[in-house]
PDB file of N, CA and C in Angstrom:
ATOM      1  N   MET A   1      62.790 109.531  96.234  1.00  0.00           N
ATOM      2  CA  MET A   1      64.165 109.792  95.832  1.00  0.00           C
ATOM      3  C   MET A   1      65.047 109.803  97.077  1.00  0.00           C
ATOM      4  N   ASN A   2      66.175 109.192  96.998  1.00  0.00           N
ATOM      5  CA  ASN A   2      67.124 109.112  98.106  1.00  0.00           C
ATOM      6  C   ASN A   2      67.985 110.382  98.120  1.00  0.00           C
ATOM      7  N   ASN A   3      67.913 111.161  99.197  1.00  0.00           N
ATOM      8  CA  ASN A   3      68.673 112.410  99.295  1.00  0.00           C
ATOM      9  C   ASN A   3      70.173 112.183  99.279  1.00  0.00           C
ATOM     10  N   GLU A   4      70.624 111.015  99.742  1.00  0.00           N
ATOM     11  CA  GLU A   4      72.061 110.740  99.749  1.00  0.00           C
ATOM     12  C   GLU A   4      72.644 110.765  98.348  1.00  0.00           C
ATOM     13  N   ASN A   5      71.860 110.412  97.344  1.00  0.00           N
ATOM     14  CA  ASN A   5      72.340 110.418  95.963  1.00  0.00           C
ATOM     15  C   ASN A   5      72.473 111.829  95.408  1.00  0.00           C
ATOM     16  N   ASN A   6      71.839 112.799  96.040  1.00  0.00           N
ATOM     17  CA  ASN A   6      71.880 114.170  95.556  1.00  0.00           C
ATOM     18  C   ASN A   6      72.995 114.997  96.202  1.00  0.00           C
ATOM     19  N   ILE A   7      73.650 114.455  97.192  1.00  0.00           N
ATOM     20  CA  ILE A   7      74.707 115.182  97.879  1.00  0.00           C
ATOM     21  C   ILE A   7      75.994 115.056  97.067  1.00  0.00           C
ATOM     22  N   ARG A   8      76.598 116.215  96.766  1.00  0.00           N
ATOM     23  CA  ARG A   8      77.834 116.213  95.985  1.00  0.00           C
ATOM     24  C   ARG A   8      78.949 116.822  96.838  1.00  0.00           C
ATOM     25  N   VAL A   9      79.818 115.969  97.301  1.00  0.00           N
ATOM     26  CA  VAL A   9      80.938 116.386  98.136  1.00  0.00           C
ATOM     27  C   VAL A   9      82.205 115.838  97.500  1.00  0.00           C
ATOM     28  N   CYS A  10      83.203 116.699  97.360  1.00  0.00           N
ATOM     29  CA  CYS A  10      84.474 116.259  96.791  1.00  0.00           C
ATOM     30  C   CYS A  10      85.147 115.301  97.772  1.00  0.00           C
ATOM     31  N   PRO A  11      85.477 114.097  97.323  1.00  0.00           N
ATOM     32  CA  PRO A  11      86.166 113.170  98.217  1.00  0.00           C
ATOM     33  C   PRO A  11      87.532 113.718  98.629  1.00  0.00           C
ATOM     34  N   VAL A  12      87.893 113.487  99.863  1.00  0.00           N
ATOM     35  CA  VAL A  12      89.171 113.971 100.385  1.00  0.00           C
ATOM     36  C   VAL A  12      90.327 113.458  99.532  1.00  0.00           C
ATOM     37  N   GLU A  13      90.187 112.263  99.002  1.00  0.00           N
ATOM     38  CA  GLU A  13      91.250 111.677  98.176  1.00  0.00           C
ATOM     39  C   GLU A  13      91.541 112.522  96.939  1.00  0.00           C
ATOM     40  N   LYS A  14      90.590 113.351  96.524  1.00  0.00           N
ATOM     41  CA  LYS A  14      90.771 114.189  95.327  1.00  0.00           C
ATOM     42  C   LYS A  14      91.027 115.649  95.695  1.00  0.00           C
ATOM     43  N   ALA A  15      91.337 115.927  96.944  1.00  0.00           N
ATOM     44  CA  ALA A  15      91.548 117.302  97.407  1.00  0.00           C
ATOM     45  C   ALA A  15      92.686 117.988  96.659  1.00  0.00           C
ATOM     46  N   GLY A  16      93.647 117.232  96.210  1.00  0.00           N
ATOM     47  CA  GLY A  16      94.765 117.800  95.458  1.00  0.00           C
ATOM     48  C   GLY A  16      94.321 118.499  94.187  1.00  0.00           C
ATOM     49  N   MET A  17      93.195 118.070  93.640  1.00  0.00           N
ATOM     50  CA  MET A  17      92.666 118.719  92.436  1.00  0.00           C
ATOM     51  C   MET A  17      92.141 120.120  92.757  1.00  0.00           C
ATOM     52  N   LEU A  18      91.786 120.368  94.004  1.00  0.00           N
ATOM     53  CA  LEU A  18      91.249 121.670  94.398  1.00  0.00           C
ATOM     54  C   LEU A  18      92.339 122.689  94.692  1.00  0.00           C
ATOM     55  N   ASP A  19      93.543 122.219  94.954  1.00  0.00           N
ATOM     56  CA  ASP A  19      94.651 123.108  95.283  1.00  0.00           C
ATOM     57  C   ASP A  19      95.882 122.663  94.509  1.00  0.00           C
ATOM     58  N   ASN A  20      96.057 123.254  93.334  1.00  0.00           N
ATOM     59  CA  ASN A  20      97.209 122.899  92.518  1.00  0.00           C
ATOM     60  C   ASN A  20      97.692 124.122  91.734  1.00  0.00           C
ATOM     61  N   SER A  21      98.844 124.005  91.118  1.00  0.00           N
ATOM     62  CA  SER A  21      99.472 125.142  90.441  1.00  0.00           C
ATOM     63  C   SER A  21      98.670 125.636  89.242  1.00  0.00           C
ATOM     64  N   VAL A  22      97.999 124.746  88.536  1.00  0.00           N
ATOM     65  CA  VAL A  22      97.196 125.164  87.383  1.00  0.00           C
ATOM     66  C   VAL A  22      96.018 126.024  87.860  1.00  0.00           C
ATOM     67  N   ARG A  23      95.351 125.590  88.917  1.00  0.00           N
ATOM     68  CA  ARG A  23      94.240 126.385  89.446  1.00  0.00           C
ATOM     69  C   ARG A  23      94.745 127.723  89.962  1.00  0.00           C
ATOM     70  N   ARG A  24      95.910 127.734  90.613  1.00  0.00           N
ATOM     71  CA  ARG A  24      96.470 128.993  91.110  1.00  0.00           C
ATOM     72  C   ARG A  24      96.778 129.955  89.963  1.00  0.00           C
ATOM     73  N   LEU A  25      97.165 129.421  88.831  1.00  0.00           N
ATOM     74  CA  LEU A  25      97.434 130.251  87.659  1.00  0.00           C
ATOM     75  C   LEU A  25      96.137 130.845  87.112  1.00  0.00           C
ATOM     76  N   LEU A  26      95.085 130.033  87.054  1.00  0.00           N
ATOM     77  CA  LEU A  26      93.807 130.480  86.502  1.00  0.00           C
ATOM     78  C   LEU A  26      92.964 131.275  87.495  1.00  0.00           C
ATOM     79  N   GLN A  27      93.034 130.916  88.763  1.00  0.00           N
ATOM     80  CA  GLN A  27      92.254 131.566  89.817  1.00  0.00           C
ATOM     81  C   GLN A  27      93.186 131.961  90.952  1.00  0.00           C
ATOM     82  N   ASN A  28      94.004 132.955  90.730  1.00  0.00           N
ATOM     83  CA  ASN A  28      94.967 133.381  91.733  1.00  0.00           C
ATOM     84  C   ASN A  28      94.219 133.915  92.955  1.00  0.00           C
ATOM     85  N   PRO A  29      94.270 133.188  94.090  1.00  0.00           N
ATOM     86  CA  PRO A  29      93.490 133.609  95.245  1.00  0.00           C
ATOM     87  C   PRO A  29      93.885 134.987  95.781  1.00  0.00           C
ATOM     88  N   LYS A  30      95.164 135.335  95.723  1.00  0.00           N
ATOM     89  CA  LYS A  30      95.591 136.651  96.206  1.00  0.00           C
ATOM     90  C   LYS A  30      94.977 137.753  95.349  1.00  0.00           C
ATOM     91  N   LYS A  31      95.037 137.580  94.040  1.00  0.00           N
ATOM     92  CA  LYS A  31      94.486 138.576  93.122  1.00  0.00           C
ATOM     93  C   LYS A  31      92.981 138.738  93.312  1.00  0.00           C
ATOM     94  N   ILE A  32      92.297 137.626  93.518  1.00  0.00           N
ATOM     95  CA  ILE A  32      90.846 137.651  93.682  1.00  0.00           C
ATOM     96  C   ILE A  32      90.453 138.309  95.004  1.00  0.00           C
ATOM     97  N   LEU A  33      91.161 137.980  96.087  1.00  0.00           N
ATOM     98  CA  LEU A  33      90.741 138.383  97.428  1.00  0.00           C
ATOM     99  C   LEU A  33      91.312 139.709  97.922  1.00  0.00           C
ATOM    100  N   GLU A  34      92.505 140.058  97.493  1.00  0.00           N
ATOM    101  CA  GLU A  34      93.228 141.205  98.068  1.00  0.00           C
ATOM    102  C   GLU A  34      92.405 142.497  98.143  1.00  0.00           C
ATOM    103  N   PRO A  35      91.614 142.841  97.122  1.00  0.00           N
ATOM    104  CA  PRO A  35      90.848 144.097  97.220  1.00  0.00           C
ATOM    105  C   PRO A  35      89.780 144.105  98.320  1.00  0.00           C
ATOM    106  N   TYR A  36      89.432 142.942  98.848  1.00  0.00           N
ATOM    107  CA  TYR A  36      88.317 142.831  99.791  1.00  0.00           C
ATOM    108  C   TYR A  36      88.739 142.510 101.233  1.00  0.00           C
ATOM    109  N   ILE A  37      90.019 142.221 101.447  1.00  0.00           N
ATOM    110  CA  ILE A  37      90.493 141.781 102.759  1.00  0.00           C
ATOM    111  C   ILE A  37      91.250 142.909 103.447  1.00  0.00           C
ATOM    112  N   TYR A  38      90.858 143.188 104.689  1.00  0.00           N
ATOM    113  CA  TYR A  38      91.512 144.231 105.478  1.00  0.00           C
ATOM    114  C   TYR A  38      91.868 143.667 106.840  1.00  0.00           C
ATOM    115  N   ASN A  39      92.958 144.144 107.411  1.00  0.00           N
ATOM    116  CA  ASN A  39      93.361 143.722 108.753  1.00  0.00           C
ATOM    117  C   ASN A  39      92.224 143.961 109.734  1.00  0.00           C
ATOM    118  N   GLY A  40      92.079 143.065 110.668  1.00  0.00           N
ATOM    119  CA  GLY A  40      91.048 143.175 111.690  1.00  0.00           C
ATOM    120  C   GLY A  40      89.753 142.470 111.338  1.00  0.00           C
ATOM    121  N   MET A  41      89.624 142.031 110.102  1.00  0.00           N
ATOM    122  CA  MET A  41      88.394 141.356 109.686  1.00  0.00           C
ATOM    123  C   MET A  41      88.333 139.943 110.254  1.00  0.00           C
ATOM    124  N   THR A  42      87.121 139.442 110.434  1.00  0.00           N
ATOM    125  CA  THR A  42      86.886 138.028 110.694  1.00  0.00           C
ATOM    126  C   THR A  42      86.173 137.503 109.469  1.00  0.00           C
ATOM    127  N   ILE A  43      86.752 136.497 108.835  1.00  0.00           N
ATOM    128  CA  ILE A  43      86.235 135.994 107.566  1.00  0.00           C
ATOM    129  C   ILE A  43      85.909 134.515 107.697  1.00  0.00           C
ATOM    130  N   LEU A  44      84.720 134.150 107.243  1.00  0.00           N
ATOM    131  CA  LEU A  44      84.276 132.762 107.232  1.00  0.00           C
ATOM    132  C   LEU A  44      84.457 132.200 105.837  1.00  0.00           C
ATOM    133  N   ASP A  45      85.227 131.138 105.721  1.00  0.00           N
ATOM    134  CA  ASP A  45      85.368 130.413 104.458  1.00  0.00           C
ATOM    135  C   ASP A  45      84.555 129.141 104.605  1.00  0.00           C
ATOM    136  N   LEU A  46      83.320 129.203 104.153  1.00  0.00           N
ATOM    137  CA  LEU A  46      82.375 128.099 104.289  1.00  0.00           C
ATOM    138  C   LEU A  46      82.558 127.131 103.130  1.00  0.00           C
ATOM    139  N   GLY A  47      82.819 125.872 103.443  1.00  0.00           N
ATOM    140  CA  GLY A  47      83.117 124.887 102.406  1.00  0.00           C
ATOM    141  C   GLY A  47      84.538 125.078 101.914  1.00  0.00           C
ATOM    142  N   CYS A  48      85.449 125.250 102.842  1.00  0.00           N
ATOM    143  CA  CYS A  48      86.830 125.641 102.542  1.00  0.00           C
ATOM    144  C   CYS A  48      87.647 124.567 101.839  1.00  0.00           C
ATOM    145  N   GLY A  49      87.206 123.317 101.894  1.00  0.00           N
ATOM    146  CA  GLY A  49      87.999 122.251 101.289  1.00  0.00           C
ATOM    147  C   GLY A  49      89.390 122.216 101.894  1.00  0.00           C
ATOM    148  N   PRO A  50      90.415 122.026 101.070  1.00  0.00           N
ATOM    149  CA  PRO A  50      91.779 121.943 101.604  1.00  0.00           C
ATOM    150  C   PRO A  50      92.418 123.302 101.887  1.00  0.00           C
ATOM    151  N   GLY A  51      91.652 124.386 101.752  1.00  0.00           N
ATOM    152  CA  GLY A  51      92.158 125.696 102.140  1.00  0.00           C
ATOM    153  C   GLY A  51      92.700 126.567 101.025  1.00  0.00           C
ATOM    154  N   PHE A  52      92.280 126.331  99.794  1.00  0.00           N
ATOM    155  CA  PHE A  52      92.767 127.100  98.647  1.00  0.00           C
ATOM    156  C   PHE A  52      92.656 128.602  98.902  1.00  0.00           C
ATOM    157  N   PHE A  53      91.507 129.054  99.405  1.00  0.00           N
ATOM    158  CA  PHE A  53      91.325 130.477  99.710  1.00  0.00           C
ATOM    159  C   PHE A  53      91.659 130.800 101.164  1.00  0.00           C
ATOM    160  N   SER A  54      91.395 129.892 102.086  1.00  0.00           N
ATOM    161  CA  SER A  54      91.598 130.150 103.524  1.00  0.00           C
ATOM    162  C   SER A  54      93.029 130.548 103.838  1.00  0.00           C
ATOM    163  N   ILE A  55      93.972 129.855 103.280  1.00  0.00           N
ATOM    164  CA  ILE A  55      95.383 130.116 103.574  1.00  0.00           C
ATOM    165  C   ILE A  55      95.794 131.487 103.050  1.00  0.00           C
ATOM    166  N   GLU A  56      95.324 131.845 101.866  1.00  0.00           N
ATOM    167  CA  GLU A  56      95.656 133.169 101.318  1.00  0.00           C
ATOM    168  C   GLU A  56      94.991 134.275 102.133  1.00  0.00           C
ATOM    169  N   ILE A  57      93.772 134.041 102.607  1.00  0.00           N
ATOM    170  CA  ILE A  57      93.103 135.016 103.469  1.00  0.00           C
ATOM    171  C   ILE A  57      93.943 135.250 104.717  1.00  0.00           C
ATOM    172  N   ALA A  58      94.425 134.183 105.327  1.00  0.00           N
ATOM    173  CA  ALA A  58      95.250 134.299 106.534  1.00  0.00           C
ATOM    174  C   ALA A  58      96.515 135.110 106.253  1.00  0.00           C
ATOM    175  N   LYS A  59      97.118 134.913 105.102  1.00  0.00           N
ATOM    176  CA  LYS A  59      98.321 135.678 104.739  1.00  0.00           C
ATOM    177  C   LYS A  59      98.000 137.161 104.556  1.00  0.00           C
ATOM    178  N   LEU A  60      96.822 137.460 104.011  1.00  0.00           N
ATOM    179  CA  LEU A  60      96.434 138.854 103.793  1.00  0.00           C
ATOM    180  C   LEU A  60      96.082 139.565 105.099  1.00  0.00           C
ATOM    181  N   LEU A  61      95.687 138.818 106.110  1.00  0.00           N
ATOM    182  CA  LEU A  61      95.400 139.385 107.433  1.00  0.00           C
ATOM    183  C   LEU A  61      96.693 139.393 108.245  1.00  0.00           C
ATOM    184  N   THR A  62      97.663 140.162 107.795  1.00  0.00           N
ATOM    185  CA  THR A  62      99.022 140.088 108.344  1.00  0.00           C
ATOM    186  C   THR A  62      99.112 140.485 109.808  1.00  0.00           C
ATOM    187  N   ASP A  63      98.464 141.555 110.212  1.00  0.00           N
ATOM    188  CA  ASP A  63      98.618 142.069 111.575  1.00  0.00           C
ATOM    189  C   ASP A  63      97.546 141.575 112.536  1.00  0.00           C
ATOM    190  N   SER A  64      96.320 141.515 112.052  1.00  0.00           N
ATOM    191  CA  SER A  64      95.229 141.100 112.928  1.00  0.00           C
ATOM    192  C   SER A  64      94.083 140.567 112.081  1.00  0.00           C
ATOM    193  N   GLY A  65      93.171 139.891 112.725  1.00  0.00           N
ATOM    194  CA  GLY A  65      92.038 139.311 112.031  1.00  0.00           C
ATOM    195  C   GLY A  65      91.984 137.821 112.255  1.00  0.00           C
ATOM    196  N   LYS A  66      90.940 137.218 111.703  1.00  0.00           N
ATOM    197  CA  LYS A  66      90.748 135.790 111.927  1.00  0.00           C
ATOM    198  C   LYS A  66      90.077 135.169 110.709  1.00  0.00           C
ATOM    199  N   VAL A  67      90.499 133.962 110.377  1.00  0.00           N
ATOM    200  CA  VAL A  67      89.848 133.167 109.345  1.00  0.00           C
ATOM    201  C   VAL A  67      89.174 131.995 110.033  1.00  0.00           C
ATOM    202  N   ILE A  68      87.901 131.813 109.765  1.00  0.00           N
ATOM    203  CA  ILE A  68      87.175 130.653 110.253  1.00  0.00           C
ATOM    204  C   ILE A  68      86.954 129.751 109.052  1.00  0.00           C
ATOM    205  N   ALA A  69      87.635 128.624 109.028  1.00  0.00           N
ATOM    206  CA  ALA A  69      87.522 127.664 107.930  1.00  0.00           C
ATOM    207  C   ALA A  69      86.550 126.567 108.360  1.00  0.00           C
ATOM    208  N   ALA A  70      85.493 126.378 107.577  1.00  0.00           N
ATOM    209  CA  ALA A  70      84.480 125.376 107.914  1.00  0.00           C
ATOM    210  C   ALA A  70      84.252 124.464 106.712  1.00  0.00           C
ATOM    211  N   ASP A  71      84.192 123.169 106.981  1.00  0.00           N
ATOM    212  CA  ASP A  71      83.938 122.200 105.922  1.00  0.00           C
ATOM    213  C   ASP A  71      83.181 121.015 106.515  1.00  0.00           C
ATOM    214  N   LEU A  72      82.443 120.314 105.667  1.00  0.00           N
ATOM    215  CA  LEU A  72      81.699 119.127 106.099  1.00  0.00           C
ATOM    216  C   LEU A  72      82.611 117.984 106.514  1.00  0.00           C
ATOM    217  N   GLN A  73      83.806 117.961 105.940  1.00  0.00           N
ATOM    218  CA  GLN A  73      84.711 116.835 106.144  1.00  0.00           C
ATOM    219  C   GLN A  73      85.890 117.237 107.026  1.00  0.00           C
ATOM    220  N   GLU A  74      85.996 116.592 108.149  1.00  0.00           N
ATOM    221  CA  GLU A  74      87.099 116.869 109.078  1.00  0.00           C
ATOM    222  C   GLU A  74      88.452 116.664 108.390  1.00  0.00           C
ATOM    223  N   GLU A  75      88.524 115.714 107.465  1.00  0.00           N
ATOM    224  CA  GLU A  75      89.787 115.433 106.767  1.00  0.00           C
ATOM    225  C   GLU A  75      90.250 116.634 105.941  1.00  0.00           C
ATOM    226  N   MET A  76      89.307 117.420 105.400  1.00  0.00           N
ATOM    227  CA  MET A  76      89.687 118.632 104.653  1.00  0.00           C
ATOM    228  C   MET A  76      90.300 119.638 105.617  1.00  0.00           C
ATOM    229  N   LEU A  77      89.713 119.765 106.797  1.00  0.00           N
ATOM    230  CA  LEU A  77      90.251 120.695 107.794  1.00  0.00           C
ATOM    231  C   LEU A  77      91.625 120.247 108.263  1.00  0.00           C
ATOM    232  N   ASP A  78      91.837 118.934 108.321  1.00  0.00           N
ATOM    233  CA  ASP A  78      93.160 118.399 108.675  1.00  0.00           C
ATOM    234  C   ASP A  78      94.206 118.857 107.676  1.00  0.00           C
ATOM    235  N   LYS A  79      93.835 118.956 106.404  1.00  0.00           N
ATOM    236  CA  LYS A  79      94.783 119.395 105.374  1.00  0.00           C
ATOM    237  C   LYS A  79      95.202 120.845 105.588  1.00  0.00           C
ATOM    238  N   ILE A  80      94.283 121.669 106.068  1.00  0.00           N
ATOM    239  CA  ILE A  80      94.627 123.081 106.329  1.00  0.00           C
ATOM    240  C   ILE A  80      95.564 123.179 107.522  1.00  0.00           C
ATOM    241  N   ARG A  81      95.280 122.402 108.531  1.00  0.00           N
ATOM    242  CA  ARG A  81      96.118 122.449 109.741  1.00  0.00           C
ATOM    243  C   ARG A  81      97.532 122.074 109.389  1.00  0.00           C
TER     244      ARG A  81
END
């Protein structure tokens, strides 16, 4: 079996589907994350994609802290920047 056929990665061209207003309505990142995020934390968002959660984490770390956004595709990280 070819392992390349088993790898499932969202193409960068479809990144807009991962960060849109409908998803924000159904999965509000602030509502989901706010109880768990405190200033001074360092948080790793592994498989961050276009930053749906990473950006909200950064906003919640208002005074101090760090978000480490990691993804397999450099183009996804470009979208966060």
